């Protein structure tokens, strides 16, 4: 299909030498007949990350920045494609993820964003937290704005956005360092529903210094803020988000304590 939209994939990185090769390879091996632009936005790595990026031949920018959200916005500014995607330096795509997304966008030119299933993996790439994935997939199949306002079940590595819509919204809000994606999904959701693909597109790595492990308390507190700011007319869903976010923080603390963290 030679009419598939062009796709820019932005990979923010900082000292990700241990994982970024799998990320880059997962893009390079996609069988996508449309145009792919892959850009690494590096925050000044000192561990050999850039050696891996150079060897892969992927264009990059490496300079001090204001964090992940700022890096993503720099990626938007550099994008030349119709579709934008975020793939962090410890995440990766499954085969045919891009063609599945591109074909869906081509078939639904009126819709501004798309999301699919995403698995959670550990440092070695083994799937973990299967129950969490099943739960999120169940909610994803029944996406609605009120349901999404109650909790975030959309996964960043498996989500694609029309670049024009992203720029209309103003990109990612730099007030949020841990929940910038949820804030963006809610803004897009107020404009219209996503295309939901019932297939696994990507893997999200939860290990080491992943923000989901090191900053979960800030993340879920910000989720409640995201829901409140984007939840006009949906007061019950916003209140439910506050309760669920608080509950998840408690669960994470208990898990961390049981593991001696």
C-alpha atoms as a PDB file:
ATOM      1  CA  UNK A   1       0.000   0.000   0.000  1.00  0.00           C
ATOM      2  CA  UNK A   2       1.918   3.034  -1.265  1.00  0.00           C
ATOM      3  CA  UNK A   3      -0.533   5.591   0.159  1.00  0.00           C
ATOM      4  CA  UNK A   4       0.252   4.880   3.792  1.00  0.00           C
ATOM      5  CA  UNK A   5       1.062   7.990   5.858  1.00  0.00           C
ATOM      6  CA  UNK A   6       4.615   8.889   6.763  1.00  0.00           C
ATOM      7  CA  UNK A   7       5.544   8.217  10.396  1.00  0.00           C
ATOM      8  CA  UNK A   8       8.062   9.940  12.653  1.00  0.00           C
ATOM      9  CA  UNK A   9       9.212   7.964  15.688  1.00  0.00           C
ATOM     10  CA  UNK A  10      10.944   9.974  18.394  1.00  0.00           C
ATOM     11  CA  UNK A  11      13.091   8.154  20.938  1.00  0.00           C
ATOM     12  CA  UNK A  12      14.104  10.232  23.969  1.00  0.00           C
ATOM     13  CA  UNK A  13      17.196   8.823  25.657  1.00  0.00           C
ATOM     14  CA  UNK A  14      19.553   9.384  28.559  1.00  0.00           C
ATOM     15  CA  UNK A  15      22.198   6.782  29.418  1.00  0.00           C
ATOM     16  CA  UNK A  16      20.242   3.981  27.775  1.00  0.00           C
ATOM     17  CA  UNK A  17      23.110   1.970  26.291  1.00  0.00           C
ATOM     18  CA  UNK A  18      21.782  -1.250  27.808  1.00  0.00           C
ATOM     19  CA  UNK A  19      18.419  -1.138  26.033  1.00  0.00           C
ATOM     20  CA  UNK A  20      18.416   1.283  23.128  1.00  0.00           C
ATOM     21  CA  UNK A  21      19.741  -1.180  20.532  1.00  0.00           C
ATOM     22  CA  UNK A  22      16.598  -3.297  20.858  1.00  0.00           C
ATOM     23  CA  UNK A  23      14.521  -0.119  20.518  1.00  0.00           C
ATOM     24  CA  UNK A  24      16.337   0.956  17.358  1.00  0.00           C
ATOM     25  CA  UNK A  25      16.265  -2.541  15.860  1.00  0.00           C
ATOM     26  CA  UNK A  26      12.520  -2.812  16.450  1.00  0.00           C
ATOM     27  CA  UNK A  27      12.020   0.222  14.207  1.00  0.00           C
ATOM     28  CA  UNK A  28      14.626  -0.709  11.593  1.00  0.00           C
ATOM     29  CA  UNK A  29      13.076  -4.165  11.041  1.00  0.00           C
ATOM     30  CA  UNK A  30       9.525  -2.911  10.479  1.00  0.00           C
ATOM     31  CA  UNK A  31       8.144  -3.912   7.071  1.00  0.00           C
ATOM     32  CA  UNK A  32       6.510  -0.569   6.378  1.00  0.00           C
ATOM     33  CA  UNK A  33       6.107   0.521   2.752  1.00  0.00           C
ATOM     34  CA  UNK A  34       5.553   4.164   3.707  1.00  0.00           C
ATOM     35  CA  UNK A  35       8.169   6.656   4.838  1.00  0.00           C
ATOM     36  CA  UNK A  36       9.650   6.227   8.330  1.00  0.00           C
ATOM     37  CA  UNK A  37      11.649   8.920  10.101  1.00  0.00           C
ATOM     38  CA  UNK A  38      13.357   7.845  13.324  1.00  0.00           C
ATOM     39  CA  UNK A  39      15.019  10.492  15.504  1.00  0.00           C
ATOM     40  CA  UNK A  40      16.792  10.056  18.837  1.00  0.00           C
ATOM     41  CA  UNK A  41      16.586  13.046  21.186  1.00  0.00           C
ATOM     42  CA  UNK A  42      19.356  12.480  23.705  1.00  0.00           C
ATOM     43  CA  UNK A  43      19.772  14.442  26.915  1.00  0.00           C
ATOM     44  CA  UNK A  44      23.571  14.216  27.034  1.00  0.00           C
ATOM     45  CA  UNK A  45      24.330  10.540  27.617  1.00  0.00           C
ATOM     46  CA  UNK A  46      27.775   9.536  28.915  1.00  0.00           C
ATOM     47  CA  UNK A  47      27.451   5.734  28.926  1.00  0.00           C
ATOM     48  CA  UNK A  48      27.888   4.775  25.280  1.00  0.00           C
ATOM     49  CA  UNK A  49      24.282   5.355  24.193  1.00  0.00           C
ATOM     50  CA  UNK A  50      25.386   7.577  21.328  1.00  0.00           C
ATOM     51  CA  UNK A  51      27.871   4.957  20.084  1.00  0.00           C
ATOM     52  CA  UNK A  52      24.952   2.557  19.674  1.00  0.00           C
ATOM     53  CA  UNK A  53      22.869   5.220  17.923  1.00  0.00           C
ATOM     54  CA  UNK A  54      25.696   6.138  15.545  1.00  0.00           C
ATOM     55  CA  UNK A  55      26.339   2.494  14.706  1.00  0.00           C
ATOM     56  CA  UNK A  56      22.643   2.093  13.854  1.00  0.00           C
ATOM     57  CA  UNK A  57      22.814   5.151  11.596  1.00  0.00           C
ATOM     58  CA  UNK A  58      19.832   6.841  13.265  1.00  0.00           C
ATOM     59  CA  UNK A  59      19.797  10.674  13.239  1.00  0.00           C
ATOM     60  CA  UNK A  60      20.104  12.184  16.688  1.00  0.00           C
ATOM     61  CA  UNK A  61      20.392  15.349  18.706  1.00  0.00           C
ATOM     62  CA  UNK A  62      22.377  15.212  21.956  1.00  0.00           C
ATOM     63  CA  UNK A  63      22.316  18.178  24.327  1.00  0.00           C
ATOM     64  CA  UNK A  64      21.205  19.065  27.822  1.00  0.00           C
ATOM     65  CA  UNK A  65      17.432  19.443  28.065  1.00  0.00           C
ATOM     66  CA  UNK A  66      14.700  19.999  30.616  1.00  0.00           C
ATOM     67  CA  UNK A  67      13.702  16.335  30.775  1.00  0.00           C
ATOM     68  CA  UNK A  68      11.548  13.822  28.914  1.00  0.00           C
ATOM     69  CA  UNK A  69       8.675  16.171  28.113  1.00  0.00           C
ATOM     70  CA  UNK A  70      11.012  18.791  26.656  1.00  0.00           C
ATOM     71  CA  UNK A  71      12.750  16.103  24.593  1.00  0.00           C
ATOM     72  CA  UNK A  72       9.414  14.985  23.118  1.00  0.00           C
ATOM     73  CA  UNK A  73       8.520  18.546  22.180  1.00  0.00           C
ATOM     74  CA  UNK A  74      11.881  18.934  20.440  1.00  0.00           C
ATOM     75  CA  UNK A  75      11.007  15.782  18.519  1.00  0.00           C
ATOM     76  CA  UNK A  76       7.690  17.272  17.414  1.00  0.00           C
ATOM     77  CA  UNK A  77       9.522  20.351  16.124  1.00  0.00           C
ATOM     78  CA  UNK A  78      11.871  18.140  14.087  1.00  0.00           C
ATOM     79  CA  UNK A  79       9.155  15.867  12.694  1.00  0.00           C
ATOM     80  CA  UNK A  80       8.415  15.961   8.948  1.00  0.00           C
ATOM     81  CA  UNK A  81       5.762  13.235   8.926  1.00  0.00           C
ATOM     82  CA  UNK A  82       1.985  12.932   9.051  1.00  0.00           C
ATOM     83  CA  UNK A  83       2.022  10.634  12.084  1.00  0.00           C
ATOM     84  CA  UNK A  84       4.017  11.037  15.308  1.00  0.00           C
ATOM     85  CA  UNK A  85       4.965   8.297  17.778  1.00  0.00           C
ATOM     86  CA  UNK A  86       6.943   8.173  21.019  1.00  0.00           C
ATOM     87  CA  UNK A  87       9.131   5.122  21.620  1.00  0.00           C
ATOM     88  CA  UNK A  88      11.302   5.478  24.695  1.00  0.00           C
ATOM     89  CA  UNK A  89      14.820   4.060  24.724  1.00  0.00           C
ATOM     90  CA  UNK A  90      13.836   1.029  26.808  1.00  0.00           C
ATOM     91  CA  UNK A  91      10.664   0.120  24.866  1.00  0.00           C
ATOM     92  CA  UNK A  92      10.231  -1.634  21.525  1.00  0.00           C
ATOM     93  CA  UNK A  93       7.756  -2.372  18.737  1.00  0.00           C
ATOM     94  CA  UNK A  94       6.427  -5.761  17.743  1.00  0.00           C
ATOM     95  CA  UNK A  95       6.752  -6.807  14.079  1.00  0.00           C
ATOM     96  CA  UNK A  96       4.211  -5.162  11.748  1.00  0.00           C
ATOM     97  CA  UNK A  97       3.193  -2.581  14.367  1.00  0.00           C
ATOM     98  CA  UNK A  98       3.764   0.315  11.989  1.00  0.00           C
ATOM     99  CA  UNK A  99       1.921  -1.189   9.049  1.00  0.00           C
ATOM    100  CA  UNK A 100      -1.045  -1.951  11.309  1.00  0.00           C
ATOM    101  CA  UNK A 101      -1.094   1.675  12.479  1.00  0.00           C
ATOM    102  CA  UNK A 102      -0.514   3.121   9.015  1.00  0.00           C
ATOM    103  CA  UNK A 103      -3.266   1.065   7.392  1.00  0.00           C
ATOM    104  CA  UNK A 104      -5.720   2.043  10.122  1.00  0.00           C
ATOM    105  CA  UNK A 105      -4.961   5.744   9.706  1.00  0.00           C
ATOM    106  CA  UNK A 106      -5.307   5.430   5.934  1.00  0.00           C
ATOM    107  CA  UNK A 107      -8.700   3.770   6.368  1.00  0.00           C
ATOM    108  CA  UNK A 108      -9.881   6.383   8.884  1.00  0.00           C
ATOM    109  CA  UNK A 109      -8.555   9.771   7.729  1.00  0.00           C
ATOM    110  CA  UNK A 110     -10.997  11.586  10.014  1.00  0.00           C
ATOM    111  CA  UNK A 111      -9.493  10.222  13.243  1.00  0.00           C
ATOM    112  CA  UNK A 112      -6.573  11.930  14.928  1.00  0.00           C
ATOM    113  CA  UNK A 113      -5.047   9.231  17.072  1.00  0.00           C
ATOM    114  CA  UNK A 114      -4.662   5.497  17.409  1.00  0.00           C
ATOM    115  CA  UNK A 115      -3.726   3.109  20.167  1.00  0.00           C
ATOM    116  CA  UNK A 116      -3.346  -0.625  20.637  1.00  0.00           C
ATOM    117  CA  UNK A 117      -2.305  -3.233  23.153  1.00  0.00           C
ATOM    118  CA  UNK A 118       1.052  -3.088  24.929  1.00  0.00           C
ATOM    119  CA  UNK A 119       2.765  -5.689  27.095  1.00  0.00           C
ATOM    120  CA  UNK A 120       4.964  -4.976  30.128  1.00  0.00           C
ATOM    121  CA  UNK A 121       8.426  -6.559  30.231  1.00  0.00           C
ATOM    122  CA  UNK A 122      11.267  -6.719  32.751  1.00  0.00           C
ATOM    123  CA  UNK A 123      14.947  -5.873  32.261  1.00  0.00           C
ATOM    124  CA  UNK A 124      15.491  -9.122  30.345  1.00  0.00           C
ATOM    125  CA  UNK A 125      12.489  -8.657  28.063  1.00  0.00           C
ATOM    126  CA  UNK A 126      10.283 -11.228  29.800  1.00  0.00           C
ATOM    127  CA  UNK A 127       6.616 -10.363  30.098  1.00  0.00           C
ATOM    128  CA  UNK A 128       5.501  -9.399  33.609  1.00  0.00           C
ATOM    129  CA  UNK A 129       2.327  -8.055  35.247  1.00  0.00           C
ATOM    130  CA  UNK A 130       0.078  -9.964  32.890  1.00  0.00           C
ATOM    131  CA  UNK A 131      -2.967  -9.251  35.033  1.00  0.00           C
ATOM    132  CA  UNK A 132      -2.352  -5.488  34.688  1.00  0.00           C
ATOM    133  CA  UNK A 133      -2.099  -5.887  30.913  1.00  0.00           C
ATOM    134  CA  UNK A 134      -5.322  -7.915  30.734  1.00  0.00           C
ATOM    135  CA  UNK A 135      -7.114  -5.318  32.827  1.00  0.00           C
ATOM    136  CA  UNK A 136      -5.888  -2.419  30.678  1.00  0.00           C
ATOM    137  CA  UNK A 137      -6.798  -4.282  27.478  1.00  0.00           C
ATOM    138  CA  UNK A 138     -10.315  -4.844  28.762  1.00  0.00           C
ATOM    139  CA  UNK A 139     -10.763  -1.139  29.409  1.00  0.00           C
ATOM    140  CA  UNK A 140      -9.138  -0.247  26.097  1.00  0.00           C
ATOM    141  CA  UNK A 141     -11.707  -2.269  24.165  1.00  0.00           C
ATOM    142  CA  UNK A 142     -14.419  -0.130  25.775  1.00  0.00           C
ATOM    143  CA  UNK A 143     -12.709   3.257  25.444  1.00  0.00           C
ATOM    144  CA  UNK A 144     -14.813   6.291  26.234  1.00  0.00           C
ATOM    145  CA  UNK A 145     -13.758   9.697  27.494  1.00  0.00           C
ATOM    146  CA  UNK A 146     -15.403   9.256  30.929  1.00  0.00           C
ATOM    147  CA  UNK A 147     -13.780   5.836  31.339  1.00  0.00           C
ATOM    148  CA  UNK A 148     -10.397   7.229  30.306  1.00  0.00           C
ATOM    149  CA  UNK A 149     -10.817  10.148  32.709  1.00  0.00           C
ATOM    150  CA  UNK A 150     -11.237   7.661  35.547  1.00  0.00           C
ATOM    151  CA  UNK A 151      -7.787   6.112  34.919  1.00  0.00           C
ATOM    152  CA  UNK A 152      -5.110   5.877  32.257  1.00  0.00           C
ATOM    153  CA  UNK A 153      -5.160   2.610  30.328  1.00  0.00           C
ATOM    154  CA  UNK A 154      -3.583   3.927  27.100  1.00  0.00           C
ATOM    155  CA  UNK A 155       0.092   2.965  26.664  1.00  0.00           C
ATOM    156  CA  UNK A 156       2.487   5.478  25.139  1.00  0.00           C
ATOM    157  CA  UNK A 157       4.610   3.016  23.091  1.00  0.00           C
ATOM    158  CA  UNK A 158       1.460   1.679  21.385  1.00  0.00           C
ATOM    159  CA  UNK A 159      -0.053   5.091  20.575  1.00  0.00           C
ATOM    160  CA  UNK A 160       0.244   7.149  17.375  1.00  0.00           C
ATOM    161  CA  UNK A 161      -1.012  10.698  16.746  1.00  0.00           C
ATOM    162  CA  UNK A 162      -1.520  12.815  13.652  1.00  0.00           C
ATOM    163  CA  UNK A 163       1.210  15.453  13.849  1.00  0.00           C
ATOM    164  CA  UNK A 164      -1.182  18.205  12.819  1.00  0.00           C
ATOM    165  CA  UNK A 165      -3.423  17.461  15.826  1.00  0.00           C
ATOM    166  CA  UNK A 166      -0.419  17.306  18.122  1.00  0.00           C
ATOM    167  CA  UNK A 167       0.692  20.757  17.009  1.00  0.00           C
ATOM    168  CA  UNK A 168      -2.849  22.147  17.271  1.00  0.00           C
ATOM    169  CA  UNK A 169      -2.913  21.075  20.915  1.00  0.00           C
ATOM    170  CA  UNK A 170       0.490  22.636  21.560  1.00  0.00           C
ATOM    171  CA  UNK A 171       2.475  19.455  22.095  1.00  0.00           C
ATOM    172  CA  UNK A 172       3.198  17.983  25.505  1.00  0.00           C
ATOM    173  CA  UNK A 173       2.638  20.119  28.602  1.00  0.00           C
ATOM    174  CA  UNK A 174       6.016  20.592  30.293  1.00  0.00           C
ATOM    175  CA  UNK A 175       4.383  21.046  33.687  1.00  0.00           C
ATOM    176  CA  UNK A 176       4.142  17.257  33.734  1.00  0.00           C
ATOM    177  CA  UNK A 177       7.308  15.161  33.831  1.00  0.00           C
ATOM    178  CA  UNK A 178       5.605  11.813  34.559  1.00  0.00           C
ATOM    179  CA  UNK A 179       2.101  12.102  33.094  1.00  0.00           C
ATOM    180  CA  UNK A 180       2.589  14.231  29.998  1.00  0.00           C
ATOM    181  CA  UNK A 181       1.249  11.411  27.832  1.00  0.00           C
ATOM    182  CA  UNK A 182      -1.987  10.969  29.819  1.00  0.00           C
ATOM    183  CA  UNK A 183      -2.591  14.719  29.652  1.00  0.00           C
ATOM    184  CA  UNK A 184      -2.151  14.573  25.885  1.00  0.00           C
ATOM    185  CA  UNK A 185      -4.438  11.542  25.448  1.00  0.00           C
ATOM    186  CA  UNK A 186      -7.206  13.323  27.367  1.00  0.00           C
ATOM    187  CA  UNK A 187      -6.855  16.453  25.250  1.00  0.00           C
ATOM    188  CA  UNK A 188      -7.070  14.330  22.111  1.00  0.00           C
ATOM    189  CA  UNK A 189      -9.979  12.377  23.591  1.00  0.00           C
ATOM    190  CA  UNK A 190     -11.973  15.567  24.024  1.00  0.00           C
ATOM    191  CA  UNK A 191     -11.535  16.171  20.287  1.00  0.00           C
ATOM    192  CA  UNK A 192     -12.544  12.648  19.299  1.00  0.00           C
ATOM    193  CA  UNK A 193     -12.082   8.938  20.103  1.00  0.00           C
ATOM    194  CA  UNK A 194      -8.994   6.987  19.079  1.00  0.00           C
ATOM    195  CA  UNK A 195      -8.820   4.142  16.641  1.00  0.00           C
ATOM    196  CA  UNK A 196      -8.397   1.140  18.953  1.00  0.00           C
ATOM    197  CA  UNK A 197      -6.507  -1.798  17.458  1.00  0.00           C
ATOM    198  CA  UNK A 198      -7.120  -5.130  19.161  1.00  0.00           C
ATOM    199  CA  UNK A 199      -3.540  -6.292  18.681  1.00  0.00           C
ATOM    200  CA  UNK A 200      -0.240  -5.924  20.514  1.00  0.00           C
ATOM    201  CA  UNK A 201       1.872  -3.166  19.002  1.00  0.00           C
ATOM    202  CA  UNK A 202       4.643  -2.590  21.532  1.00  0.00           C
ATOM    203  CA  UNK A 203       6.338  -3.504  24.789  1.00  0.00           C
ATOM    204  CA  UNK A 204       6.928  -1.212  27.733  1.00  0.00           C
ATOM    205  CA  UNK A 205       9.940  -2.017  29.939  1.00  0.00           C
ATOM    206  CA  UNK A 206       9.447  -1.618  33.675  1.00  0.00           C
ATOM    207  CA  UNK A 207      12.871  -1.955  35.258  1.00  0.00           C
ATOM    208  CA  UNK A 208      15.803  -0.024  36.675  1.00  0.00           C
ATOM    209  CA  UNK A 209      15.270   3.732  36.529  1.00  0.00           C
ATOM    210  CA  UNK A 210      12.013   3.617  34.592  1.00  0.00           C
ATOM    211  CA  UNK A 211       9.887   6.607  35.598  1.00  0.00           C
ATOM    212  CA  UNK A 212       7.013   4.239  36.330  1.00  0.00           C
ATOM    213  CA  UNK A 213       9.102   2.654  39.088  1.00  0.00           C
ATOM    214  CA  UNK A 214      11.001   5.645  40.447  1.00  0.00           C
ATOM    215  CA  UNK A 215       8.330   8.334  40.134  1.00  0.00           C
ATOM    216  CA  UNK A 216       5.036   6.507  40.542  1.00  0.00           C
ATOM    217  CA  UNK A 217       3.802   8.721  43.393  1.00  0.00           C
ATOM    218  CA  UNK A 218       4.275  11.902  41.361  1.00  0.00           C
ATOM    219  CA  UNK A 219       2.865  10.175  38.282  1.00  0.00           C
ATOM    220  CA  UNK A 220      -0.437   9.163  39.819  1.00  0.00           C
ATOM    221  CA  UNK A 221      -0.879  12.433  41.657  1.00  0.00           C
ATOM    222  CA  UNK A 222      -0.429  14.167  38.310  1.00  0.00           C
ATOM    223  CA  UNK A 223      -2.953  11.762  36.767  1.00  0.00           C
ATOM    224  CA  UNK A 224      -5.567  13.178  39.126  1.00  0.00           C
ATOM    225  CA  UNK A 225      -4.574  16.695  38.030  1.00  0.00           C
ATOM    226  CA  UNK A 226      -4.774  15.680  34.359  1.00  0.00           C
ATOM    227  CA  UNK A 227      -8.274  14.313  34.853  1.00  0.00           C
ATOM    228  CA  UNK A 228      -9.430  17.409  36.726  1.00  0.00           C
ATOM    229  CA  UNK A 229      -8.076  19.800  34.100  1.00  0.00           C
ATOM    230  CA  UNK A 230      -9.521  17.851  31.166  1.00  0.00           C
ATOM    231  CA  UNK A 231     -12.674  16.519  32.797  1.00  0.00           C
ATOM    232  CA  UNK A 232     -15.166  19.346  32.456  1.00  0.00           C
ATOM    233  CA  UNK A 233     -18.654  17.838  32.503  1.00  0.00           C
ATOM    234  CA  UNK A 234     -17.466  14.504  33.929  1.00  0.00           C
ATOM    235  CA  UNK A 235     -17.223  15.149  37.667  1.00  0.00           C
ATOM    236  CA  UNK A 236     -17.849  11.528  38.693  1.00  0.00           C
ATOM    237  CA  UNK A 237     -15.031  10.220  36.477  1.00  0.00           C
ATOM    238  CA  UNK A 238     -12.676  12.903  37.810  1.00  0.00           C
ATOM    239  CA  UNK A 239     -13.508  12.013  41.406  1.00  0.00           C
ATOM    240  CA  UNK A 240     -13.021   8.327  40.627  1.00  0.00           C
ATOM    241  CA  UNK A 241      -9.591   9.074  39.180  1.00  0.00           C
ATOM    242  CA  UNK A 242      -8.552  10.720  42.432  1.00  0.00           C
ATOM    243  CA  UNK A 243      -9.633   7.637  44.390  1.00  0.00           C
ATOM    244  CA  UNK A 244      -8.024   5.145  41.989  1.00  0.00           C
ATOM    245  CA  UNK A 245      -4.770   7.139  41.796  1.00  0.00           C
ATOM    246  CA  UNK A 246      -4.533   7.220  45.589  1.00  0.00           C
ATOM    247  CA  UNK A 247      -5.223   3.492  45.786  1.00  0.00           C
ATOM    248  CA  UNK A 248      -2.512   2.688  43.219  1.00  0.00           C
ATOM    249  CA  UNK A 249       0.025   4.778  45.136  1.00  0.00           C
ATOM    250  CA  UNK A 250      -0.718   2.729  48.261  1.00  0.00           C
ATOM    251  CA  UNK A 251      -0.355  -0.561  46.345  1.00  0.00           C
ATOM    252  CA  UNK A 252       2.976   0.523  44.825  1.00  0.00           C
ATOM    253  CA  UNK A 253       4.277   1.509  48.264  1.00  0.00           C
ATOM    254  CA  UNK A 254       3.302  -1.855  49.696  1.00  0.00           C
ATOM    255  CA  UNK A 255       4.977  -3.682  46.804  1.00  0.00           C
ATOM    256  CA  UNK A 256       8.143  -1.616  47.193  1.00  0.00           C
ATOM    257  CA  UNK A 257       8.200  -2.294  50.940  1.00  0.00           C
ATOM    258  CA  UNK A 258       7.742  -6.045  50.431  1.00  0.00           C
ATOM    259  CA  UNK A 259      10.747  -6.055  48.089  1.00  0.00           C
ATOM    260  CA  UNK A 260      12.885  -4.020  50.460  1.00  0.00           C
ATOM    261  CA  UNK A 261      13.094  -0.984  48.218  1.00  0.00           C
END
